[in-house]
């Protein structure tokens, strides 16, 4: 398992990203649930999970 932190370049939301090599995943993409910008495209070779850890401030979303 590999853990990393990811920040959305559009809104600044923070995520914890987990990557499991022992489990196959699904093809597709993950989009930021706050601003809907794409964060990653999956090829299905491993299981990837995201968890929102830092919500952007309302002020940052208006700028």
Protein backbone atom coordinates (compact mmCIF):
# COMPACT_ATOMS: atom_id res chain seq x y z
CA UNK A 1 0.00 0.00 0.00
CA UNK A 2 1.19 3.49 -0.84
CA UNK A 3 -0.22 6.60 0.88
CA UNK A 4 0.16 10.13 -0.43
CA UNK A 5 -1.45 13.55 -0.16
CA UNK A 6 -2.96 15.26 -3.21
CA UNK A 7 -4.16 18.85 -3.60
CA UNK A 8 -6.65 19.97 -6.24
CA UNK A 9 -4.97 22.60 -8.39
CA UNK A 10 -8.28 24.36 -9.06
CA UNK A 11 -9.86 24.79 -5.62
CA UNK A 12 -7.16 23.76 -3.14
CA UNK A 13 -9.06 20.84 -1.59
CA UNK A 14 -6.77 18.29 0.07
CA UNK A 15 -7.05 14.52 -0.29
CA UNK A 16 -5.43 11.39 1.11
CA UNK A 17 -4.70 8.98 -1.77
CA UNK A 18 -4.34 5.23 -1.13
CA UNK A 19 -2.93 2.88 -3.76
CA UNK A 20 -3.20 -0.92 -3.40
CA UNK A 21 -1.14 -3.07 -5.75
CA UNK A 22 -2.65 -6.29 -4.41
CA UNK A 23 -6.17 -5.44 -5.63
CA UNK A 24 -7.24 -4.68 -9.21
CA UNK A 25 -9.19 -1.47 -9.63
CA UNK A 26 -11.58 -0.12 -12.23
CA UNK A 27 -10.83 2.01 -15.26
CA UNK A 28 -12.11 5.55 -14.99
CA UNK A 29 -11.25 8.86 -13.42
CA UNK A 30 -11.56 10.64 -10.10
CA UNK A 31 -12.87 14.21 -10.04
CA UNK A 32 -12.72 16.66 -7.18
CA UNK A 33 -16.12 16.54 -5.42
CA UNK A 34 -15.85 20.28 -4.68
CA UNK A 35 -15.06 21.79 -8.12
CA UNK A 36 -15.35 18.71 -10.38
CA UNK A 37 -11.92 19.11 -11.99
CA UNK A 38 -10.20 15.79 -12.89
CA UNK A 39 -7.50 14.67 -10.44
CA UNK A 40 -6.49 11.31 -11.90
CA UNK A 41 -7.31 8.82 -14.66
CA UNK A 42 -7.22 5.14 -13.64
CA UNK A 43 -6.09 2.28 -15.90
CA UNK A 44 -7.52 -0.43 -13.61
CA UNK A 45 -4.19 -2.09 -12.81
CA UNK A 46 -4.45 -1.25 -9.08
CA UNK A 47 -7.07 -0.06 -6.62
CA UNK A 48 -6.96 3.70 -5.94
CA UNK A 49 -9.02 5.42 -3.23
CA UNK A 50 -9.34 9.12 -2.38
CA UNK A 51 -10.60 10.71 0.84
CA UNK A 52 -11.28 14.43 1.23
CA UNK A 53 -9.22 15.67 4.18
CA UNK A 54 -9.19 19.47 3.72
CA UNK A 55 -12.13 21.39 2.32
CA UNK A 56 -11.25 24.66 0.59
CA UNK A 57 -12.50 27.84 2.18
CA UNK A 58 -15.50 29.62 0.67
CA UNK A 59 -13.28 32.64 0.07
CA UNK A 60 -10.85 30.57 -2.02
CA UNK A 61 -13.74 29.27 -4.13
CA UNK A 62 -14.87 32.85 -4.95
CA UNK A 63 -11.42 34.03 -6.13
